[in-house]
């Protein structure tokens, strides 16, 4: 991030094994970049999505970069193998755990062409409007007495 001149918001790791050590390293890294990087314990869903939508790129190994990043139209640099096996949108760049690979992927993700690709919002997980569509279908189903009364059948 230093070479790219980017600021960073670093959500802390979950309570997974090793999370405290990761959080300590994130805090140390952010402290060295005071004014350009900040750690947060939790943003909550609404604040997280609002912030992520305004980011230039999502960087990390979280499923959020794989699932929500494309819907938010933000390029994702996915580091390591933690998300292996998940479907990927074209706006996700997978890299090994390597400073040089991450730097190269960040430059690609921030390029105008790749940002246009991410702006298309292509997401193999859908558009994020499935609940609204399901509700529309349910509203069209006639709820007559037949649906409200359970019928029993004798086995013979």
N, C-alpha and C. Protein backbone atom coordinates (compact mmCIF):
# COMPACT_ATOMS: atom_id res chain seq x y z
N UNK A 1 0.82 -1.20 0.00
CA UNK A 1 0.00 0.00 0.00
C UNK A 1 0.86 1.25 0.00
N UNK A 2 2.01 1.19 0.62
CA UNK A 2 2.86 2.37 0.71
C UNK A 2 3.24 2.88 -0.67
N UNK A 3 3.65 1.96 -1.54
CA UNK A 3 4.10 2.36 -2.88
C UNK A 3 2.95 2.93 -3.70
N UNK A 4 1.73 2.47 -3.44
CA UNK A 4 0.58 2.92 -4.21
C UNK A 4 -0.03 4.20 -3.64
N UNK A 5 0.41 4.64 -2.45
CA UNK A 5 -0.11 5.86 -1.84
C UNK A 5 -1.55 5.75 -1.38
N UNK A 6 -2.00 4.56 -1.08
CA UNK A 6 -3.39 4.34 -0.68
C UNK A 6 -3.55 4.47 0.83
N UNK A 7 -4.73 4.86 1.25
CA UNK A 7 -5.11 4.79 2.65
C UNK A 7 -5.73 3.43 2.89
N UNK A 8 -5.88 3.07 4.16
CA UNK A 8 -6.43 1.74 4.46
C UNK A 8 -7.28 1.76 5.72
N UNK A 9 -8.38 1.03 5.66
CA UNK A 9 -9.19 0.74 6.82
C UNK A 9 -9.04 -0.76 7.04
N UNK A 10 -8.60 -1.15 8.23
CA UNK A 10 -8.28 -2.54 8.51
C UNK A 10 -9.24 -3.10 9.55
N UNK A 11 -10.27 -3.83 9.11
CA UNK A 11 -11.14 -4.49 10.10
C UNK A 11 -10.35 -5.59 10.79
N UNK A 12 -10.50 -5.70 12.10
CA UNK A 12 -9.80 -6.74 12.84
C UNK A 12 -10.31 -8.12 12.44
N UNK A 13 -9.47 -9.10 12.67
CA UNK A 13 -9.81 -10.50 12.41
C UNK A 13 -10.90 -10.95 13.38
N UNK A 14 -11.62 -11.98 12.99
CA UNK A 14 -12.62 -12.57 13.87
C UNK A 14 -11.93 -13.27 15.04
N UNK A 15 -12.71 -13.90 15.88
CA UNK A 15 -12.17 -14.59 17.06
C UNK A 15 -11.62 -15.97 16.69
N UNK A 16 -11.16 -16.13 15.49
CA UNK A 16 -10.58 -17.39 15.05
C UNK A 16 -9.23 -17.60 15.73
N UNK A 17 -8.74 -18.85 15.77
CA UNK A 17 -7.41 -19.08 16.32
C UNK A 17 -6.39 -18.22 15.58
N UNK A 18 -5.54 -17.54 16.33
CA UNK A 18 -4.53 -16.68 15.73
C UNK A 18 -5.01 -15.26 15.50
N UNK A 19 -6.28 -15.00 15.75
CA UNK A 19 -6.85 -13.68 15.51
C UNK A 19 -6.18 -12.57 16.31
N UNK A 20 -5.84 -12.85 17.55
CA UNK A 20 -5.19 -11.82 18.38
C UNK A 20 -3.83 -11.44 17.81
N UNK A 21 -3.08 -12.42 17.35
CA UNK A 21 -1.77 -12.13 16.76
C UNK A 21 -1.93 -11.31 15.48
N UNK A 22 -2.93 -11.65 14.69
CA UNK A 22 -3.19 -10.89 13.46
C UNK A 22 -3.57 -9.46 13.80
N UNK A 23 -4.45 -9.30 14.78
CA UNK A 23 -4.88 -7.95 15.18
C UNK A 23 -3.71 -7.12 15.71
N UNK A 24 -2.80 -7.74 16.44
CA UNK A 24 -1.63 -7.03 16.93
C UNK A 24 -0.76 -6.55 15.77
N UNK A 25 -0.59 -7.38 14.78
CA UNK A 25 0.21 -7.01 13.60
C UNK A 25 -0.49 -5.90 12.80
N UNK A 26 -1.80 -6.02 12.64
CA UNK A 26 -2.55 -4.96 11.95
C UNK A 26 -2.40 -3.62 12.68
N UNK A 27 -2.51 -3.66 14.00
CA UNK A 27 -2.37 -2.43 14.80
C UNK A 27 -0.99 -1.83 14.65
N UNK A 28 0.03 -2.67 14.69
CA UNK A 28 1.41 -2.19 14.52
C UNK A 28 1.58 -1.54 13.15
N UNK A 29 1.07 -2.20 12.12
CA UNK A 29 1.19 -1.71 10.75
C UNK A 29 0.48 -0.36 10.60
N UNK A 30 -0.73 -0.26 11.14
CA UNK A 30 -1.50 0.99 11.04
C UNK A 30 -0.83 2.11 11.82
N UNK A 31 -0.26 1.79 12.98
CA UNK A 31 0.41 2.81 13.79
C UNK A 31 1.59 3.42 13.04
N UNK A 32 2.30 2.60 12.27
CA UNK A 32 3.42 3.09 11.46
C UNK A 32 2.95 3.99 10.32
N UNK A 33 1.67 3.95 10.01
CA UNK A 33 1.11 4.72 8.90
C UNK A 33 0.00 5.65 9.39
N UNK A 34 0.20 6.18 10.56
CA UNK A 34 -0.79 7.06 11.20
C UNK A 34 -1.25 8.14 10.19
N UNK A 35 -2.56 8.30 10.12
CA UNK A 35 -3.13 9.27 9.18
C UNK A 35 -3.49 8.65 7.84
N UNK A 36 -2.92 7.47 7.55
CA UNK A 36 -3.24 6.80 6.28
C UNK A 36 -3.87 5.43 6.50
N UNK A 37 -3.78 4.93 7.73
CA UNK A 37 -4.34 3.61 8.02
C UNK A 37 -4.97 3.63 9.41
N UNK A 38 -6.08 2.94 9.54
CA UNK A 38 -6.78 2.86 10.82
C UNK A 38 -7.35 1.45 10.98
N UNK A 39 -7.28 0.94 12.21
CA UNK A 39 -7.87 -0.36 12.54
C UNK A 39 -9.22 -0.14 13.20
N UNK A 40 -10.15 -1.03 12.90
CA UNK A 40 -11.47 -0.97 13.53
C UNK A 40 -11.85 -2.38 13.99
N UNK A 41 -12.40 -2.45 15.19
CA UNK A 41 -12.81 -3.76 15.72
C UNK A 41 -14.00 -4.29 14.93
N UNK A 42 -14.97 -3.44 14.69
CA UNK A 42 -16.16 -3.85 13.95
C UNK A 42 -16.85 -2.60 13.42
N UNK A 43 -17.31 -2.70 12.21
CA UNK A 43 -18.04 -1.58 11.60
C UNK A 43 -19.55 -1.81 11.64
N UNK A 44 -19.97 -3.04 11.76
CA UNK A 44 -21.38 -3.36 11.58
C UNK A 44 -21.66 -3.47 10.09
N UNK A 45 -22.72 -4.15 9.75
CA UNK A 45 -23.00 -4.44 8.34
C UNK A 45 -23.22 -3.18 7.50
N UNK A 46 -24.08 -2.29 7.94
CA UNK A 46 -24.41 -1.10 7.14
C UNK A 46 -23.18 -0.22 6.91
N UNK A 47 -22.43 0.06 7.98
CA UNK A 47 -21.23 0.90 7.84
C UNK A 47 -20.18 0.20 6.97
N UNK A 48 -20.05 -1.12 7.14
CA UNK A 48 -19.08 -1.86 6.33
C UNK A 48 -19.40 -1.74 4.85
N UNK A 49 -20.64 -2.00 4.49
CA UNK A 49 -21.02 -1.92 3.07
C UNK A 49 -20.88 -0.50 2.54
N UNK A 50 -21.25 0.48 3.34
CA UNK A 50 -21.12 1.88 2.91
C UNK A 50 -19.66 2.23 2.66
N UNK A 51 -18.79 1.81 3.55
CA UNK A 51 -17.36 2.07 3.39
C UNK A 51 -16.79 1.29 2.21
N UNK A 52 -17.11 0.01 2.12
CA UNK A 52 -16.57 -0.85 1.06
C UNK A 52 -16.96 -0.31 -0.32
N UNK A 53 -18.16 0.20 -0.44
CA UNK A 53 -18.65 0.74 -1.71
C UNK A 53 -17.80 1.93 -2.18
N UNK A 54 -17.19 2.65 -1.22
CA UNK A 54 -16.40 3.83 -1.54
C UNK A 54 -14.90 3.54 -1.69
N UNK A 55 -14.51 2.30 -1.47
CA UNK A 55 -13.10 1.92 -1.58
C UNK A 55 -12.67 1.81 -3.03
N UNK A 56 -11.38 2.01 -3.24
CA UNK A 56 -10.81 1.80 -4.58
C UNK A 56 -10.60 0.34 -4.86
N UNK A 57 -10.32 -0.43 -3.80
CA UNK A 57 -10.07 -1.87 -3.93
C UNK A 57 -10.27 -2.52 -2.58
N UNK A 58 -10.74 -3.76 -2.57
CA UNK A 58 -10.81 -4.58 -1.36
C UNK A 58 -9.62 -5.53 -1.41
N UNK A 59 -8.88 -5.62 -0.33
CA UNK A 59 -7.68 -6.45 -0.27
C UNK A 59 -7.75 -7.32 0.97
N UNK A 60 -7.57 -8.62 0.81
CA UNK A 60 -7.58 -9.50 1.96
C UNK A 60 -7.92 -10.92 1.58
N UNK A 61 -8.39 -11.69 2.58
CA UNK A 61 -8.76 -13.08 2.32
C UNK A 61 -10.18 -13.36 2.80
N UNK A 62 -11.01 -12.34 2.84
CA UNK A 62 -12.37 -12.47 3.35
C UNK A 62 -13.34 -12.84 2.23
N UNK A 63 -14.38 -13.57 2.60
CA UNK A 63 -15.41 -13.90 1.62
C UNK A 63 -16.12 -12.65 1.11
N UNK A 64 -16.07 -11.58 1.86
CA UNK A 64 -16.72 -10.34 1.45
C UNK A 64 -16.18 -9.83 0.12
N UNK A 65 -14.88 -9.94 -0.09
CA UNK A 65 -14.31 -9.51 -1.36
C UNK A 65 -14.78 -10.36 -2.52
N UNK A 66 -15.06 -11.62 -2.25
CA UNK A 66 -15.50 -12.55 -3.28
C UNK A 66 -17.00 -12.40 -3.55
N UNK A 67 -17.79 -12.23 -2.51
CA UNK A 67 -19.25 -12.23 -2.65
C UNK A 67 -19.81 -10.81 -2.80
N UNK A 68 -19.50 -9.93 -1.85
CA UNK A 68 -20.09 -8.58 -1.91
C UNK A 68 -19.32 -7.62 -2.81
N UNK A 69 -18.00 -7.77 -2.89
CA UNK A 69 -17.19 -6.86 -3.71
C UNK A 69 -17.74 -6.67 -5.12
N UNK A 70 -18.03 -7.74 -5.84
CA UNK A 70 -18.56 -7.56 -7.20
C UNK A 70 -19.90 -6.83 -7.24
N UNK A 71 -20.79 -7.10 -6.28
CA UNK A 71 -22.08 -6.41 -6.25
C UNK A 71 -21.88 -4.93 -5.95
N UNK A 72 -20.89 -4.61 -5.10
CA UNK A 72 -20.59 -3.22 -4.77
C UNK A 72 -19.78 -2.55 -5.88
N UNK A 73 -19.39 -3.33 -6.88
CA UNK A 73 -18.64 -2.84 -8.04
C UNK A 73 -17.24 -2.35 -7.68
N UNK A 74 -16.61 -3.08 -6.74
CA UNK A 74 -15.28 -2.74 -6.26
C UNK A 74 -14.33 -3.88 -6.60
N UNK A 75 -13.18 -3.60 -7.22
CA UNK A 75 -12.22 -4.66 -7.49
C UNK A 75 -11.74 -5.30 -6.19
N UNK A 76 -11.43 -6.59 -6.26
CA UNK A 76 -10.95 -7.33 -5.09
C UNK A 76 -9.62 -8.00 -5.41
N UNK A 77 -8.67 -7.86 -4.49
CA UNK A 77 -7.44 -8.63 -4.53
C UNK A 77 -7.55 -9.64 -3.39
N UNK A 78 -7.74 -10.89 -3.74
CA UNK A 78 -7.92 -11.97 -2.78
C UNK A 78 -6.57 -12.65 -2.55
N UNK A 79 -6.10 -12.60 -1.30
CA UNK A 79 -4.77 -13.10 -0.96
C UNK A 79 -4.84 -14.48 -0.32
N UNK A 80 -4.09 -15.41 -0.88
CA UNK A 80 -3.99 -16.74 -0.30
C UNK A 80 -5.10 -17.68 -0.75
N UNK A 81 -5.15 -18.83 -0.07
CA UNK A 81 -6.03 -19.92 -0.50
C UNK A 81 -7.29 -20.05 0.34
N UNK A 82 -7.53 -19.15 1.29
CA UNK A 82 -8.66 -19.30 2.22
C UNK A 82 -10.00 -19.41 1.50
N UNK A 83 -10.16 -18.74 0.38
CA UNK A 83 -11.45 -18.74 -0.33
C UNK A 83 -11.47 -19.70 -1.52
N UNK A 84 -10.50 -20.60 -1.58
CA UNK A 84 -10.48 -21.58 -2.66
C UNK A 84 -11.80 -22.35 -2.71
N UNK A 85 -12.27 -22.62 -3.90
CA UNK A 85 -13.50 -23.37 -4.08
C UNK A 85 -14.73 -22.49 -4.28
N UNK A 86 -14.63 -21.20 -3.99
CA UNK A 86 -15.77 -20.30 -4.21
C UNK A 86 -15.76 -19.81 -5.65
N UNK A 87 -16.94 -19.55 -6.17
CA UNK A 87 -17.05 -18.95 -7.49
C UNK A 87 -16.40 -17.58 -7.47
N UNK A 88 -15.88 -17.13 -8.61
CA UNK A 88 -15.22 -15.83 -8.71
C UNK A 88 -15.86 -14.98 -9.81
N UNK A 89 -16.01 -13.71 -9.51
CA UNK A 89 -16.40 -12.73 -10.53
C UNK A 89 -15.13 -12.31 -11.27
N UNK A 90 -15.28 -11.75 -12.46
CA UNK A 90 -14.08 -11.28 -13.19
C UNK A 90 -13.34 -10.17 -12.46
N UNK A 91 -13.98 -9.52 -11.50
CA UNK A 91 -13.36 -8.41 -10.78
C UNK A 91 -12.52 -8.86 -9.59
N UNK A 92 -12.33 -10.17 -9.44
CA UNK A 92 -11.52 -10.71 -8.34
C UNK A 92 -10.19 -11.19 -8.89
N UNK A 93 -9.12 -10.70 -8.28
CA UNK A 93 -7.76 -11.12 -8.66
C UNK A 93 -7.21 -11.97 -7.51
N UNK A 94 -6.88 -13.22 -7.79
CA UNK A 94 -6.32 -14.11 -6.78
C UNK A 94 -4.80 -14.04 -6.84
N UNK A 95 -4.18 -13.90 -5.66
CA UNK A 95 -2.72 -13.85 -5.59
C UNK A 95 -2.23 -14.69 -4.42
N UNK A 96 -0.99 -15.19 -4.54
CA UNK A 96 -0.40 -15.89 -3.40
C UNK A 96 0.02 -14.88 -2.32
N UNK A 97 0.40 -15.39 -1.17
CA UNK A 97 0.86 -14.53 -0.08
C UNK A 97 2.29 -14.09 -0.39
N UNK A 98 2.39 -12.98 -1.12
CA UNK A 98 3.68 -12.45 -1.57
C UNK A 98 3.54 -10.95 -1.76
N UNK A 99 4.45 -10.18 -1.17
CA UNK A 99 4.38 -8.72 -1.29
C UNK A 99 4.36 -8.29 -2.75
N UNK A 100 5.25 -8.86 -3.55
CA UNK A 100 5.34 -8.45 -4.95
C UNK A 100 4.07 -8.82 -5.72
N UNK A 101 3.52 -10.02 -5.47
CA UNK A 101 2.28 -10.43 -6.15
C UNK A 101 1.13 -9.50 -5.75
N UNK A 102 1.07 -9.13 -4.48
CA UNK A 102 0.01 -8.23 -4.01
C UNK A 102 0.17 -6.86 -4.65
N UNK A 103 1.38 -6.32 -4.67
CA UNK A 103 1.61 -5.01 -5.31
C UNK A 103 1.19 -5.03 -6.77
N UNK A 104 1.59 -6.06 -7.48
CA UNK A 104 1.25 -6.18 -8.90
C UNK A 104 -0.27 -6.25 -9.08
N UNK A 105 -0.94 -7.02 -8.24
CA UNK A 105 -2.40 -7.15 -8.33
C UNK A 105 -3.09 -5.82 -7.99
N UNK A 106 -2.57 -5.09 -7.00
CA UNK A 106 -3.14 -3.78 -6.67
C UNK A 106 -3.04 -2.83 -7.85
N UNK A 107 -1.89 -2.80 -8.50
CA UNK A 107 -1.74 -1.93 -9.68
C UNK A 107 -2.75 -2.31 -10.77
N UNK A 108 -2.93 -3.62 -10.97
CA UNK A 108 -3.90 -4.08 -11.96
C UNK A 108 -5.32 -3.67 -11.54
N UNK A 109 -5.67 -3.91 -10.27
CA UNK A 109 -7.03 -3.61 -9.79
C UNK A 109 -7.34 -2.12 -9.88
N UNK A 110 -6.33 -1.28 -9.74
CA UNK A 110 -6.53 0.17 -9.77
C UNK A 110 -6.45 0.76 -11.17
N UNK A 111 -6.12 -0.06 -12.15
CA UNK A 111 -6.01 0.44 -13.53
C UNK A 111 -7.40 0.79 -14.06
N UNK A 112 -7.48 1.79 -14.93
CA UNK A 112 -8.80 2.21 -15.46
C UNK A 112 -9.58 1.07 -16.12
N UNK A 113 -8.91 0.22 -16.88
CA UNK A 113 -9.59 -0.88 -17.55
C UNK A 113 -10.20 -1.87 -16.57
N UNK A 114 -9.44 -2.22 -15.54
CA UNK A 114 -9.95 -3.17 -14.56
C UNK A 114 -11.06 -2.55 -13.73
N UNK A 115 -10.96 -1.27 -13.44
CA UNK A 115 -12.02 -0.59 -12.69
C UNK A 115 -13.32 -0.58 -13.51
N UNK A 116 -13.20 -0.44 -14.83
CA UNK A 116 -14.40 -0.52 -15.69
C UNK A 116 -15.01 -1.92 -15.63
N UNK A 117 -14.15 -2.94 -15.62
CA UNK A 117 -14.61 -4.32 -15.51
C UNK A 117 -15.37 -4.51 -14.19
N UNK A 118 -14.81 -4.02 -13.10
CA UNK A 118 -15.48 -4.14 -11.79
C UNK A 118 -16.79 -3.36 -11.78
N UNK A 119 -16.82 -2.22 -12.45
CA UNK A 119 -18.03 -1.38 -12.48
C UNK A 119 -19.20 -2.09 -13.16
N UNK A 120 -18.92 -3.12 -13.97
CA UNK A 120 -19.99 -3.87 -14.62
C UNK A 120 -20.81 -4.64 -13.59
N UNK A 121 -20.22 -4.93 -12.44
CA UNK A 121 -20.96 -5.60 -11.36
C UNK A 121 -21.33 -7.04 -11.64
N UNK A 122 -20.57 -7.72 -12.49
CA UNK A 122 -20.86 -9.13 -12.78
C UNK A 122 -20.55 -9.96 -11.54
N UNK A 123 -21.55 -10.70 -11.06
CA UNK A 123 -21.38 -11.47 -9.84
C UNK A 123 -22.04 -12.84 -9.99
N UNK A 124 -21.26 -13.92 -9.87
CA UNK A 124 -21.85 -15.25 -10.01
C UNK A 124 -22.84 -15.58 -8.90
N UNK A 125 -22.86 -14.77 -7.84
CA UNK A 125 -23.78 -14.99 -6.72
C UNK A 125 -25.08 -14.22 -6.89
N UNK A 126 -25.24 -13.50 -7.98
CA UNK A 126 -26.47 -12.77 -8.23
C UNK A 126 -26.34 -11.28 -7.96
N UNK A 127 -27.46 -10.59 -8.05
CA UNK A 127 -27.46 -9.13 -7.98
C UNK A 127 -27.72 -8.60 -6.58
N UNK A 128 -28.03 -9.46 -5.64
CA UNK A 128 -28.33 -9.00 -4.29
C UNK A 128 -29.80 -8.68 -4.08
N UNK A 129 -30.62 -8.98 -5.07
CA UNK A 129 -32.05 -8.65 -4.96
C UNK A 129 -32.93 -9.89 -4.87
N UNK A 130 -32.37 -11.02 -4.49
CA UNK A 130 -33.14 -12.26 -4.49
C UNK A 130 -34.29 -12.22 -3.48
N UNK A 131 -34.09 -11.60 -2.32
CA UNK A 131 -35.18 -11.55 -1.31
C UNK A 131 -36.39 -10.80 -1.88
N UNK A 132 -36.14 -9.71 -2.58
CA UNK A 132 -37.23 -8.93 -3.19
C UNK A 132 -37.97 -9.77 -4.25
N UNK A 133 -37.21 -10.54 -5.02
CA UNK A 133 -37.83 -11.37 -6.06
C UNK A 133 -38.65 -12.50 -5.44
N UNK A 134 -38.13 -13.12 -4.40
CA UNK A 134 -38.86 -14.20 -3.72
C UNK A 134 -40.16 -13.66 -3.13
N UNK A 135 -40.09 -12.51 -2.48
CA UNK A 135 -41.29 -11.90 -1.91
C UNK A 135 -42.32 -11.63 -3.00
N UNK A 136 -41.89 -11.17 -4.16
CA UNK A 136 -42.81 -10.93 -5.27
C UNK A 136 -43.54 -12.20 -5.70
N UNK A 137 -42.83 -13.32 -5.73
CA UNK A 137 -43.44 -14.60 -6.11
C UNK A 137 -44.43 -15.03 -5.02
N UNK A 138 -44.03 -14.92 -3.76
CA UNK A 138 -44.91 -15.33 -2.67
C UNK A 138 -46.20 -14.52 -2.66
N UNK A 139 -46.09 -13.25 -2.94
CA UNK A 139 -47.28 -12.38 -2.96
C UNK A 139 -48.28 -12.79 -4.03
N UNK A 140 -47.81 -13.46 -5.07
CA UNK A 140 -48.69 -13.87 -6.17
C UNK A 140 -49.38 -15.21 -5.90
N UNK A 141 -48.94 -15.95 -4.89
CA UNK A 141 -49.52 -17.25 -4.59
C UNK A 141 -50.85 -17.04 -3.86
N UNK A 142 -51.92 -17.63 -4.40
CA UNK A 142 -53.22 -17.47 -3.73
C UNK A 142 -53.25 -18.26 -2.42
N UNK A 143 -53.62 -17.60 -1.35
CA UNK A 143 -53.65 -18.26 -0.04
C UNK A 143 -55.10 -18.59 0.33
N UNK A 144 -55.67 -19.54 -0.37
CA UNK A 144 -57.03 -19.98 -0.08
C UNK A 144 -57.05 -20.93 1.09
N UNK A 145 -58.25 -21.42 1.43
CA UNK A 145 -58.41 -22.32 2.57
C UNK A 145 -57.64 -23.62 2.39
N UNK A 146 -57.45 -24.05 1.18
CA UNK A 146 -56.75 -25.31 0.94
C UNK A 146 -55.31 -25.25 1.47
N UNK A 147 -54.69 -24.11 1.38
CA UNK A 147 -53.33 -23.99 1.87
C UNK A 147 -53.27 -23.83 3.39
N UNK A 148 -54.35 -23.39 3.98
CA UNK A 148 -54.35 -23.14 5.41
C UNK A 148 -54.81 -24.36 6.22
N UNK A 149 -55.25 -25.40 5.55
CA UNK A 149 -55.78 -26.56 6.24
C UNK A 149 -54.92 -27.78 5.90
N UNK A 150 -54.36 -28.38 6.91
CA UNK A 150 -53.53 -29.55 6.71
C UNK A 150 -54.42 -30.77 6.53
N UNK A 151 -54.15 -31.57 5.52
CA UNK A 151 -54.95 -32.77 5.31
C UNK A 151 -54.12 -34.00 5.70
N UNK A 152 -54.80 -35.01 6.24
CA UNK A 152 -54.15 -36.25 6.65
C UNK A 152 -54.64 -37.39 5.78
N UNK A 153 -53.77 -38.35 5.56
CA UNK A 153 -54.14 -39.52 4.74
C UNK A 153 -53.83 -40.76 5.55
N UNK A 154 -54.79 -41.71 5.56
CA UNK A 154 -54.58 -42.97 6.26
C UNK A 154 -53.77 -43.90 5.40
N UNK A 155 -52.84 -44.59 6.04
CA UNK A 155 -52.09 -45.64 5.32
C UNK A 155 -52.94 -46.90 5.36
N UNK A 156 -53.09 -47.54 4.27
CA UNK A 156 -53.89 -48.78 4.23
C UNK A 156 -53.07 -49.92 3.79
